[in-house]
Amino acid sequence: MDDRDKPRGIAIGRIRRRSSSAPDLPLEHFRRKRSRTQAELEPIARRVAENTTLMQQFRAAIGSENRDRAREVSEAVGRYAQELDPTITYDEGTNIVLTLMKMVGPPSKQ
């Protein structure tokens, strides 16, 4: 009997729903939370500025042309802000970096 002549089996599968699928999640999960303004984040930025080691790295990164270093320091500022206030989002961490840049001022040219 050739392979062409053999009866072919039909695969029947059942689609299983994942337990963490979108319909299972509450609507609150999908609602976008309002980010805090820079004025609301300023007290946290002041607390971040009290970390002298981090601020030395921040000042050095502002004046450098090294994007990787600037990104690392910006992420470190965001992580430290989240240690101070765990409700800080990634976007709010970026706003804290902008607030610190305003506080520190433009980089000094040497």
PDB file of N, CA and C in Angstrom:
ATOM      1  N   MET A   1       0.844  -1.174   0.000  1.00  0.00           N
ATOM      2  CA  MET A   1       0.000   0.000   0.000  1.00  0.00           C
ATOM      3  C   MET A   1       0.888   1.236   0.000  1.00  0.00           C
ATOM      4  N   ASP A   2       0.647   2.098  -0.955  1.00  0.00           N
ATOM      5  CA  ASP A   2       1.390   3.345  -1.064  1.00  0.00           C
ATOM      6  C   ASP A   2       0.973   4.288   0.068  1.00  0.00           C
ATOM      7  N   ASP A   3       1.850   5.263   0.342  1.00  0.00           N
ATOM      8  CA  ASP A   3       1.517   6.284   1.352  1.00  0.00           C
ATOM      9  C   ASP A   3       0.281   7.081   0.931  1.00  0.00           C
ATOM     10  N   ARG A   4       0.112   7.211  -0.367  1.00  0.00           N
ATOM     11  CA  ARG A   4      -1.055   7.960  -0.849  1.00  0.00           C
ATOM     12  C   ARG A   4      -2.349   7.221  -0.561  1.00  0.00           C
ATOM     13  N   ASP A   5      -2.295   5.943  -0.503  1.00  0.00           N
ATOM     14  CA  ASP A   5      -3.498   5.149  -0.322  1.00  0.00           C
ATOM     15  C   ASP A   5      -3.880   4.945   1.141  1.00  0.00           C
ATOM     16  N   LYS A   6      -2.947   5.216   2.056  1.00  0.00           N
ATOM     17  CA  LYS A   6      -3.234   5.016   3.480  1.00  0.00           C
ATOM     18  C   LYS A   6      -4.225   6.067   3.970  1.00  0.00           C
ATOM     19  N   PRO A   7      -5.110   5.690   4.848  1.00  0.00           N
ATOM     20  CA  PRO A   7      -6.032   6.692   5.406  1.00  0.00           C
ATOM     21  C   PRO A   7      -5.251   7.693   6.260  1.00  0.00           C
ATOM     22  N   ARG A   8      -5.653   8.904   6.147  1.00  0.00           N
ATOM     23  CA  ARG A   8      -4.975   9.960   6.910  1.00  0.00           C
ATOM     24  C   ARG A   8      -5.757  10.251   8.180  1.00  0.00           C
ATOM     25  N   GLY A   9      -5.024  10.507   9.232  1.00  0.00           N
ATOM     26  CA  GLY A   9      -5.656  10.862  10.492  1.00  0.00           C
ATOM     27  C   GLY A   9      -5.921  12.354  10.548  1.00  0.00           C
ATOM     28  N   ILE A  10      -6.922  12.704  11.242  1.00  0.00           N
ATOM     29  CA  ILE A  10      -7.267  14.110  11.412  1.00  0.00           C
ATOM     30  C   ILE A  10      -6.966  14.482  12.855  1.00  0.00           C
ATOM     31  N   ALA A  11      -6.177  15.530  13.016  1.00  0.00           N
ATOM     32  CA  ALA A  11      -5.834  15.988  14.355  1.00  0.00           C
ATOM     33  C   ALA A  11      -6.903  16.960  14.834  1.00  0.00           C
ATOM     34  N   ILE A  12      -7.432  16.652  15.981  1.00  0.00           N
ATOM     35  CA  ILE A  12      -8.432  17.539  16.578  1.00  0.00           C
ATOM     36  C   ILE A  12      -7.822  18.097  17.850  1.00  0.00           C
ATOM     37  N   GLY A  13      -7.739  19.398  17.884  1.00  0.00           N
ATOM     38  CA  GLY A  13      -7.172  20.044  19.063  1.00  0.00           C
ATOM     39  C   GLY A  13      -8.200  20.917  19.742  1.00  0.00           C
ATOM     40  N   ARG A  14      -7.921  21.169  20.987  1.00  0.00           N
ATOM     41  CA  ARG A  14      -8.807  22.034  21.753  1.00  0.00           C
ATOM     42  C   ARG A  14      -8.011  23.244  22.221  1.00  0.00           C
ATOM     43  N   ILE A  15      -8.527  24.406  21.976  1.00  0.00           N
ATOM     44  CA  ILE A  15      -7.842  25.627  22.383  1.00  0.00           C
ATOM     45  C   ILE A  15      -8.167  25.885  23.848  1.00  0.00           C
ATOM     46  N   ARG A  16      -7.108  25.998  24.620  1.00  0.00           N
ATOM     47  CA  ARG A  16      -7.263  26.230  26.050  1.00  0.00           C
ATOM     48  C   ARG A  16      -7.075  27.702  26.353  1.00  0.00           C
ATOM     49  N   ARG A  17      -7.924  28.239  27.184  1.00  0.00           N
ATOM     50  CA  ARG A  17      -7.760  29.639  27.586  1.00  0.00           C
ATOM     51  C   ARG A  17      -6.693  29.730  28.649  1.00  0.00           C
ATOM     52  N   ARG A  18      -5.865  30.758  28.513  1.00  0.00           N
ATOM     53  CA  ARG A  18      -4.853  30.990  29.538  1.00  0.00           C
ATOM     54  C   ARG A  18      -5.509  31.660  30.732  1.00  0.00           C
ATOM     55  N   SER A  19      -5.042  31.327  31.901  1.00  0.00           N
ATOM     56  CA  SER A  19      -5.658  31.890  33.101  1.00  0.00           C
ATOM     57  C   SER A  19      -5.363  33.376  33.269  1.00  0.00           C
ATOM     58  N   SER A  20      -4.274  33.862  32.647  1.00  0.00           N
ATOM     59  CA  SER A  20      -3.929  35.281  32.789  1.00  0.00           C
ATOM     60  C   SER A  20      -4.298  36.073  31.545  1.00  0.00           C
ATOM     61  N   SER A  21      -5.289  35.624  30.830  1.00  0.00           N
ATOM     62  CA  SER A  21      -5.671  36.334  29.614  1.00  0.00           C
ATOM     63  C   SER A  21      -6.376  37.640  29.955  1.00  0.00           C
ATOM     64  N   ALA A  22      -6.473  38.490  28.980  1.00  0.00           N
ATOM     65  CA  ALA A  22      -7.048  39.816  29.175  1.00  0.00           C
ATOM     66  C   ALA A  22      -8.466  39.785  29.748  1.00  0.00           C
ATOM     67  N   PRO A  23      -9.365  38.895  29.309  1.00  0.00           N
ATOM     68  CA  PRO A  23     -10.718  38.919  29.878  1.00  0.00           C
ATOM     69  C   PRO A  23     -10.751  38.616  31.378  1.00  0.00           C
ATOM     70  N   ASP A  24      -9.724  37.957  31.885  1.00  0.00           N
ATOM     71  CA  ASP A  24      -9.689  37.609  33.307  1.00  0.00           C
ATOM     72  C   ASP A  24      -9.209  38.758  34.185  1.00  0.00           C
ATOM     73  N   LEU A  25      -8.563  39.749  33.593  1.00  0.00           N
ATOM     74  CA  LEU A  25      -7.998  40.842  34.371  1.00  0.00           C
ATOM     75  C   LEU A  25      -9.051  41.915  34.630  1.00  0.00           C
ATOM     76  N   PRO A  26      -9.002  42.538  35.809  1.00  0.00           N
ATOM     77  CA  PRO A  26      -9.981  43.597  36.096  1.00  0.00           C
ATOM     78  C   PRO A  26      -9.719  44.829  35.240  1.00  0.00           C
ATOM     79  N   LEU A  27     -10.753  45.632  35.045  1.00  0.00           N
ATOM     80  CA  LEU A  27     -10.627  46.833  34.218  1.00  0.00           C
ATOM     81  C   LEU A  27      -9.594  47.811  34.773  1.00  0.00           C
ATOM     82  N   GLU A  28      -9.420  47.836  36.082  1.00  0.00           N
ATOM     83  CA  GLU A  28      -8.451  48.755  36.696  1.00  0.00           C
ATOM     84  C   GLU A  28      -7.043  48.494  36.162  1.00  0.00           C
ATOM     85  N   HIS A  29      -6.796  47.256  35.746  1.00  0.00           N
ATOM     86  CA  HIS A  29      -5.475  46.904  35.226  1.00  0.00           C
ATOM     87  C   HIS A  29      -5.168  47.672  33.936  1.00  0.00           C
ATOM     88  N   PHE A  30      -6.183  47.982  33.148  1.00  0.00           N
ATOM     89  CA  PHE A  30      -5.994  48.612  31.855  1.00  0.00           C
ATOM     90  C   PHE A  30      -6.129  50.126  31.892  1.00  0.00           C
ATOM     91  N   ARG A  31      -6.653  50.656  32.966  1.00  0.00           N
ATOM     92  CA  ARG A  31      -6.800  52.112  33.057  1.00  0.00           C
ATOM     93  C   ARG A  31      -5.439  52.750  33.261  1.00  0.00           C
ATOM     94  N   ARG A  32      -5.202  53.793  32.502  1.00  0.00           N
ATOM     95  CA  ARG A  32      -3.934  54.493  32.613  1.00  0.00           C
ATOM     96  C   ARG A  32      -3.960  55.402  33.837  1.00  0.00           C
ATOM     97  N   LYS A  33      -2.916  55.307  34.623  1.00  0.00           N
ATOM     98  CA  LYS A  33      -2.828  56.147  35.810  1.00  0.00           C
ATOM     99  C   LYS A  33      -2.200  57.477  35.423  1.00  0.00           C
ATOM    100  N   ARG A  34      -2.696  58.531  36.022  1.00  0.00           N
ATOM    101  CA  ARG A  34      -2.181  59.867  35.761  1.00  0.00           C
ATOM    102  C   ARG A  34      -0.793  60.008  36.381  1.00  0.00           C
ATOM    103  N   SER A  35       0.149  60.436  35.574  1.00  0.00           N
ATOM    104  CA  SER A  35       1.498  60.685  36.077  1.00  0.00           C
ATOM    105  C   SER A  35       1.497  61.967  36.900  1.00  0.00           C
ATOM    106  N   ARG A  36       2.367  61.983  37.886  1.00  0.00           N
ATOM    107  CA  ARG A  36       2.496  63.194  38.703  1.00  0.00           C
ATOM    108  C   ARG A  36       3.258  64.263  37.920  1.00  0.00           C
ATOM    109  N   THR A  37       2.948  65.496  38.225  1.00  0.00           N
ATOM    110  CA  THR A  37       3.609  66.614  37.560  1.00  0.00           C
ATOM    111  C   THR A  37       5.011  66.800  38.144  1.00  0.00           C
ATOM    112  N   GLN A  38       5.816  67.620  37.455  1.00  0.00           N
ATOM    113  CA  GLN A  38       7.155  67.896  37.975  1.00  0.00           C
ATOM    114  C   GLN A  38       7.083  68.589  39.330  1.00  0.00           C
ATOM    115  N   ALA A  39       6.079  69.421  39.521  1.00  0.00           N
ATOM    116  CA  ALA A  39       5.923  70.091  40.822  1.00  0.00           C
ATOM    117  C   ALA A  39       5.635  69.071  41.926  1.00  0.00           C
ATOM    118  N   GLU A  40       4.850  68.059  41.604  1.00  0.00           N
ATOM    119  CA  GLU A  40       4.547  67.013  42.587  1.00  0.00           C
ATOM    120  C   GLU A  40       5.754  66.120  42.837  1.00  0.00           C
ATOM    121  N   LEU A  41       6.626  65.974  41.838  1.00  0.00           N
ATOM    122  CA  LEU A  41       7.807  65.118  41.981  1.00  0.00           C
ATOM    123  C   LEU A  41       9.017  65.847  42.557  1.00  0.00           C
ATOM    124  N   GLU A  42       8.919  67.161  42.669  1.00  0.00           N
ATOM    125  CA  GLU A  42      10.060  67.947  43.153  1.00  0.00           C
ATOM    126  C   GLU A  42      10.530  67.545  44.558  1.00  0.00           C
ATOM    127  N   PRO A  43       9.636  67.290  45.525  1.00  0.00           N
ATOM    128  CA  PRO A  43      10.127  66.861  46.843  1.00  0.00           C
ATOM    129  C   PRO A  43      10.931  65.556  46.783  1.00  0.00           C
ATOM    130  N   ILE A  44      10.532  64.643  45.920  1.00  0.00           N
ATOM    131  CA  ILE A  44      11.279  63.394  45.775  1.00  0.00           C
ATOM    132  C   ILE A  44      12.622  63.677  45.105  1.00  0.00           C
ATOM    133  N   ALA A  45      12.624  64.580  44.118  1.00  0.00           N
ATOM    134  CA  ALA A  45      13.871  64.952  43.452  1.00  0.00           C
ATOM    135  C   ALA A  45      14.847  65.567  44.459  1.00  0.00           C
ATOM    136  N   ARG A  46      14.327  66.369  45.391  1.00  0.00           N
ATOM    137  CA  ARG A  46      15.201  66.952  46.424  1.00  0.00           C
ATOM    138  C   ARG A  46      15.798  65.866  47.311  1.00  0.00           C
ATOM    139  N   ARG A  47      14.995  64.846  47.606  1.00  0.00           N
ATOM    140  CA  ARG A  47      15.505  63.734  48.417  1.00  0.00           C
ATOM    141  C   ARG A  47      16.549  62.932  47.643  1.00  0.00           C
ATOM    142  N   VAL A  48      16.361  62.782  46.339  1.00  0.00           N
ATOM    143  CA  VAL A  48      17.363  62.114  45.507  1.00  0.00           C
ATOM    144  C   VAL A  48      18.647  62.932  45.500  1.00  0.00           C
ATOM    145  N   ALA A  49      18.515  64.254  45.443  1.00  0.00           N
ATOM    146  CA  ALA A  49      19.682  65.141  45.400  1.00  0.00           C
ATOM    147  C   ALA A  49      20.514  65.066  46.675  1.00  0.00           C
ATOM    148  N   GLU A  50      19.949  64.562  47.748  1.00  0.00           N
ATOM    149  CA  GLU A  50      20.701  64.415  48.994  1.00  0.00           C
ATOM    150  C   GLU A  50      21.707  63.265  48.933  1.00  0.00           C
ATOM    151  N   ASN A  51      21.560  62.377  47.961  1.00  0.00           N
ATOM    152  CA  ASN A  51      22.500  61.268  47.773  1.00  0.00           C
ATOM    153  C   ASN A  51      23.717  61.810  47.025  1.00  0.00           C
ATOM    154  N   THR A  52      24.787  62.120  47.779  1.00  0.00           N
ATOM    155  CA  THR A  52      25.941  62.810  47.189  1.00  0.00           C
ATOM    156  C   THR A  52      26.654  61.961  46.135  1.00  0.00           C
ATOM    157  N   THR A  53      26.782  60.675  46.367  1.00  0.00           N
ATOM    158  CA  THR A  53      27.464  59.816  45.395  1.00  0.00           C
ATOM    159  C   THR A  53      26.710  59.783  44.078  1.00  0.00           C
ATOM    160  N   LEU A  54      25.408  59.615  44.152  1.00  0.00           N
ATOM    161  CA  LEU A  54      24.585  59.572  42.950  1.00  0.00           C
ATOM    162  C   LEU A  54      24.613  60.912  42.221  1.00  0.00           C
ATOM    163  N   MET A  55      24.589  61.999  42.977  1.00  0.00           N
ATOM    164  CA  MET A  55      24.604  63.322  42.345  1.00  0.00           C
ATOM    165  C   MET A  55      25.955  63.629  41.698  1.00  0.00           C
ATOM    166  N   GLN A  56      27.054  63.133  42.262  1.00  0.00           N
ATOM    167  CA  GLN A  56      28.353  63.305  41.614  1.00  0.00           C
ATOM    168  C   GLN A  56      28.357  62.596  40.264  1.00  0.00           C
ATOM    169  N   GLN A  57      27.813  61.378  40.243  1.00  0.00           N
ATOM    170  CA  GLN A  57      27.716  60.631  38.985  1.00  0.00           C
ATOM    171  C   GLN A  57      26.787  61.360  38.006  1.00  0.00           C
ATOM    172  N   PHE A  58      25.702  61.918  38.534  1.00  0.00           N
ATOM    173  CA  PHE A  58      24.728  62.625  37.705  1.00  0.00           C
ATOM    174  C   PHE A  58      25.369  63.849  37.057  1.00  0.00           C
ATOM    175  N   ARG A  59      26.088  64.652  37.857  1.00  0.00           N
ATOM    176  CA  ARG A  59      26.738  65.857  37.321  1.00  0.00           C
ATOM    177  C   ARG A  59      27.781  65.500  36.262  1.00  0.00           C
ATOM    178  N   ALA A  60      28.520  64.418  36.502  1.00  0.00           N
ATOM    179  CA  ALA A  60      29.536  63.992  35.534  1.00  0.00           C
ATOM    180  C   ALA A  60      28.880  63.511  34.238  1.00  0.00           C
ATOM    181  N   ALA A  61      27.742  62.856  34.352  1.00  0.00           N
ATOM    182  CA  ALA A  61      27.060  62.330  33.166  1.00  0.00           C
ATOM    183  C   ALA A  61      26.412  63.443  32.348  1.00  0.00           C
ATOM    184  N   ILE A  62      25.947  64.504  33.019  1.00  0.00           N
ATOM    185  CA  ILE A  62      25.300  65.605  32.300  1.00  0.00           C
ATOM    186  C   ILE A  62      26.278  66.260  31.337  1.00  0.00           C
ATOM    187  N   GLY A  63      27.488  66.467  31.754  1.00  0.00           N
ATOM    188  CA  GLY A  63      28.464  67.152  30.923  1.00  0.00           C
ATOM    189  C   GLY A  63      29.154  66.267  29.908  1.00  0.00           C
ATOM    190  N   SER A  64      28.969  64.972  30.019  1.00  0.00           N
ATOM    191  CA  SER A  64      29.674  64.070  29.100  1.00  0.00           C
ATOM    192  C   SER A  64      28.881  63.866  27.816  1.00  0.00           C
ATOM    193  N   GLU A  65      29.556  63.396  26.808  1.00  0.00           N
ATOM    194  CA  GLU A  65      28.908  63.054  25.547  1.00  0.00           C
ATOM    195  C   GLU A  65      28.626  61.549  25.492  1.00  0.00           C
ATOM    196  N   ASN A  66      28.844  60.857  26.605  1.00  0.00           N
ATOM    197  CA  ASN A  66      28.694  59.411  26.669  1.00  0.00           C
ATOM    198  C   ASN A  66      27.233  59.060  26.951  1.00  0.00           C
ATOM    199  N   ARG A  67      26.518  58.646  25.933  1.00  0.00           N
ATOM    200  CA  ARG A  67      25.086  58.337  26.083  1.00  0.00           C
ATOM    201  C   ARG A  67      24.845  57.140  26.984  1.00  0.00           C
ATOM    202  N   ASP A  68      25.726  56.146  26.899  1.00  0.00           N
ATOM    203  CA  ASP A  68      25.557  54.962  27.745  1.00  0.00           C
ATOM    204  C   ASP A  68      25.671  55.332  29.222  1.00  0.00           C
ATOM    205  N   ARG A  69      26.640  56.162  29.536  1.00  0.00           N
ATOM    206  CA  ARG A  69      26.817  56.606  30.922  1.00  0.00           C
ATOM    207  C   ARG A  69      25.616  57.423  31.394  1.00  0.00           C
ATOM    208  N   ALA A  70      25.140  58.303  30.540  1.00  0.00           N
ATOM    209  CA  ALA A  70      23.975  59.121  30.888  1.00  0.00           C
ATOM    210  C   ALA A  70      22.750  58.247  31.126  1.00  0.00           C
ATOM    211  N   ARG A  71      22.551  57.238  30.270  1.00  0.00           N
ATOM    212  CA  ARG A  71      21.413  56.335  30.445  1.00  0.00           C
ATOM    213  C   ARG A  71      21.528  55.553  31.749  1.00  0.00           C
ATOM    214  N   GLU A  72      22.733  55.043  32.058  1.00  0.00           N
ATOM    215  CA  GLU A  72      22.936  54.283  33.292  1.00  0.00           C
ATOM    216  C   GLU A  72      22.635  55.136  34.523  1.00  0.00           C
ATOM    217  N   VAL A  73      23.133  56.377  34.501  1.00  0.00           N
ATOM    218  CA  VAL A  73      22.910  57.259  35.652  1.00  0.00           C
ATOM    219  C   VAL A  73      21.429  57.634  35.754  1.00  0.00           C
ATOM    220  N   SER A  74      20.787  57.884  34.622  1.00  0.00           N
ATOM    221  CA  SER A  74      19.351  58.201  34.643  1.00  0.00           C
ATOM    222  C   SER A  74      18.545  57.047  35.212  1.00  0.00           C
ATOM    223  N   GLU A  75      18.894  55.826  34.820  1.00  0.00           N
ATOM    224  CA  GLU A  75      18.207  54.657  35.359  1.00  0.00           C
ATOM    225  C   GLU A  75      18.499  54.482  36.844  1.00  0.00           C
ATOM    226  N   ALA A  76      19.732  54.798  37.265  1.00  0.00           N
ATOM    227  CA  ALA A  76      20.079  54.715  38.684  1.00  0.00           C
ATOM    228  C   ALA A  76      19.275  55.726  39.497  1.00  0.00           C
ATOM    229  N   VAL A  77      19.082  56.917  38.935  1.00  0.00           N
ATOM    230  CA  VAL A  77      18.261  57.938  39.610  1.00  0.00           C
ATOM    231  C   VAL A  77      16.826  57.430  39.748  1.00  0.00           C
ATOM    232  N   GLY A  78      16.278  56.855  38.688  1.00  0.00           N
ATOM    233  CA  GLY A  78      14.922  56.318  38.746  1.00  0.00           C
ATOM    234  C   GLY A  78      14.788  55.193  39.762  1.00  0.00           C
ATOM    235  N   ARG A  79      15.782  54.293  39.800  1.00  0.00           N
ATOM    236  CA  ARG A  79      15.743  53.194  40.779  1.00  0.00           C
ATOM    237  C   ARG A  79      15.809  53.726  42.210  1.00  0.00           C
ATOM    238  N   TYR A  80      16.695  54.716  42.422  1.00  0.00           N
ATOM    239  CA  TYR A  80      16.815  55.285  43.769  1.00  0.00           C
ATOM    240  C   TYR A  80      15.516  55.986  44.173  1.00  0.00           C
ATOM    241  N   ALA A  81      14.904  56.686  43.229  1.00  0.00           N
ATOM    242  CA  ALA A  81      13.622  57.340  43.516  1.00  0.00           C
ATOM    243  C   ALA A  81      12.561  56.298  43.873  1.00  0.00           C
ATOM    244  N   GLN A  82      12.599  55.146  43.203  1.00  0.00           N
ATOM    245  CA  GLN A  82      11.645  54.079  43.519  1.00  0.00           C
ATOM    246  C   GLN A  82      11.930  53.453  44.877  1.00  0.00           C
ATOM    247  N   GLU A  83      13.194  53.470  45.314  1.00  0.00           N
ATOM    248  CA  GLU A  83      13.507  53.013  46.672  1.00  0.00           C
ATOM    249  C   GLU A  83      12.890  53.965  47.694  1.00  0.00           C
ATOM    250  N   LEU A  84      12.942  55.259  47.405  1.00  0.00           N
ATOM    251  CA  LEU A  84      12.371  56.254  48.308  1.00  0.00           C
ATOM    252  C   LEU A  84      10.843  56.191  48.303  1.00  0.00           C
ATOM    253  N   ASP A  85      10.274  56.017  47.115  1.00  0.00           N
ATOM    254  CA  ASP A  85       8.819  55.950  46.959  1.00  0.00           C
ATOM    255  C   ASP A  85       8.499  54.868  45.927  1.00  0.00           C
ATOM    256  N   PRO A  86       8.090  53.682  46.380  1.00  0.00           N
ATOM    257  CA  PRO A  86       7.851  52.567  45.458  1.00  0.00           C
ATOM    258  C   PRO A  86       6.752  52.812  44.421  1.00  0.00           C
ATOM    259  N   THR A  87       5.951  53.860  44.590  1.00  0.00           N
ATOM    260  CA  THR A  87       4.887  54.125  43.622  1.00  0.00           C
ATOM    261  C   THR A  87       5.380  54.904  42.400  1.00  0.00           C
ATOM    262  N   ILE A  88       6.651  55.294  42.380  1.00  0.00           N
ATOM    263  CA  ILE A  88       7.221  56.032  41.252  1.00  0.00           C
ATOM    264  C   ILE A  88       7.251  55.103  40.043  1.00  0.00           C
ATOM    265  N   THR A  89       6.720  55.584  38.925  1.00  0.00           N
ATOM    266  CA  THR A  89       6.749  54.819  37.680  1.00  0.00           C
ATOM    267  C   THR A  89       8.031  55.144  36.915  1.00  0.00           C
ATOM    268  N   TYR A  90       8.270  54.384  35.849  1.00  0.00           N
ATOM    269  CA  TYR A  90       9.448  54.633  35.023  1.00  0.00           C
ATOM    270  C   TYR A  90       9.388  56.038  34.416  1.00  0.00           C
ATOM    271  N   ASP A  91       8.219  56.424  33.931  1.00  0.00           N
ATOM    272  CA  ASP A  91       8.055  57.761  33.345  1.00  0.00           C
ATOM    273  C   ASP A  91       8.279  58.855  34.373  1.00  0.00           C
ATOM    274  N   GLU A  92       7.791  58.637  35.582  1.00  0.00           N
ATOM    275  CA  GLU A  92       8.000  59.637  36.639  1.00  0.00           C
ATOM    276  C   GLU A  92       9.478  59.715  37.013  1.00  0.00           C
ATOM    277  N   GLY A  93      10.186  58.594  36.929  1.00  0.00           N
ATOM    278  CA  GLY A  93      11.632  58.614  37.160  1.00  0.00           C
ATOM    279  C   GLY A  93      12.331  59.494  36.148  1.00  0.00           C
ATOM    280  N   THR A  94      11.867  59.437  34.901  1.00  0.00           N
ATOM    281  CA  THR A  94      12.423  60.311  33.859  1.00  0.00           C
ATOM    282  C   THR A  94      12.133  61.775  34.181  1.00  0.00           C
ATOM    283  N   ASN A  95      10.936  62.057  34.679  1.00  0.00           N
ATOM    284  CA  ASN A  95      10.610  63.438  35.062  1.00  0.00           C
ATOM    285  C   ASN A  95      11.451  63.897  36.240  1.00  0.00           C
ATOM    286  N   ILE A  96      11.805  62.990  37.132  1.00  0.00           N
ATOM    287  CA  ILE A  96      12.685  63.344  38.252  1.00  0.00           C
ATOM    288  C   ILE A  96      14.065  63.711  37.717  1.00  0.00           C
ATOM    289  N   VAL A  97      14.544  62.982  36.714  1.00  0.00           N
ATOM    290  CA  VAL A  97      15.831  63.312  36.092  1.00  0.00           C
ATOM    291  C   VAL A  97      15.767  64.718  35.493  1.00  0.00           C
ATOM    292  N   LEU A  98      14.677  65.053  34.817  1.00  0.00           N
ATOM    293  CA  LEU A  98      14.527  66.398  34.250  1.00  0.00           C
ATOM    294  C   LEU A  98      14.495  67.460  35.347  1.00  0.00           C
ATOM    295  N   THR A  99      13.822  67.163  36.437  1.00  0.00           N
ATOM    296  CA  THR A  99      13.762  68.100  37.569  1.00  0.00           C
ATOM    297  C   THR A  99      15.151  68.308  38.150  1.00  0.00           C
ATOM    298  N   LEU A 100      15.924  67.221  38.280  1.00  0.00           N
ATOM    299  CA  LEU A 100      17.293  67.343  38.788  1.00  0.00           C
ATOM    300  C   LEU A 100      18.155  68.166  37.838  1.00  0.00           C
ATOM    301  N   MET A 101      17.950  68.006  36.545  1.00  0.00           N
ATOM    302  CA  MET A 101      18.721  68.791  35.580  1.00  0.00           C
ATOM    303  C   MET A 101      18.429  70.286  35.744  1.00  0.00           C
ATOM    304  N   LYS A 102      17.172  70.623  36.018  1.00  0.00           N
ATOM    305  CA  LYS A 102      16.832  72.025  36.264  1.00  0.00           C
ATOM    306  C   LYS A 102      17.466  72.521  37.549  1.00  0.00           C
ATOM    307  N   MET A 103      17.511  71.652  38.561  1.00  0.00           N
ATOM    308  CA  MET A 103      18.092  72.041  39.845  1.00  0.00           C
ATOM    309  C   MET A 103      19.604  72.238  39.742  1.00  0.00           C
ATOM    310  N   VAL A 104      20.262  71.349  39.013  1.00  0.00           N
ATOM    311  CA  VAL A 104      21.717  71.394  38.886  1.00  0.00           C
ATOM    312  C   VAL A 104      22.155  72.508  37.945  1.00  0.00           C
ATOM    313  N   GLY A 105      21.376  72.740  36.902  1.00  0.00           N
ATOM    314  CA  GLY A 105      21.737  73.765  35.935  1.00  0.00           C
ATOM    315  C   GLY A 105      22.508  73.177  34.777  1.00  0.00           C
ATOM    316  N   PRO A 106      22.885  74.013  33.829  1.00  0.00           N
ATOM    317  CA  PRO A 106      23.598  73.507  32.651  1.00  0.00           C
ATOM    318  C   PRO A 106      24.988  73.004  33.037  1.00  0.00           C
ATOM    319  N   PRO A 107      25.506  72.043  32.266  1.00  0.00           N
ATOM    320  CA  PRO A 107      26.845  71.539  32.574  1.00  0.00           C
ATOM    321  C   PRO A 107      27.892  72.617  32.366  1.00  0.00           C
ATOM    322  N   SER A 108      28.899  72.577  33.201  1.00  0.00           N
ATOM    323  CA  SER A 108      29.959  73.581  33.093  1.00  0.00           C
ATOM    324  C   SER A 108      30.972  73.132  32.035  1.00  0.00           C
ATOM    325  N   LYS A 109      31.352  74.052  31.175  1.00  0.00           N
ATOM    326  CA  LYS A 109      32.364  73.774  30.139  1.00  0.00           C
ATOM    327  C   LYS A 109      33.733  74.071  30.720  1.00  0.00           C
ATOM    328  N   GLN A 110      34.601  73.089  30.605  1.00  0.00           N
ATOM    329  CA  GLN A 110      35.954  73.284  31.172  1.00  0.00           C
ATOM    330  C   GLN A 110      36.962  73.498  30.097  1.00  0.00           C
TER     331      GLN A 110
END
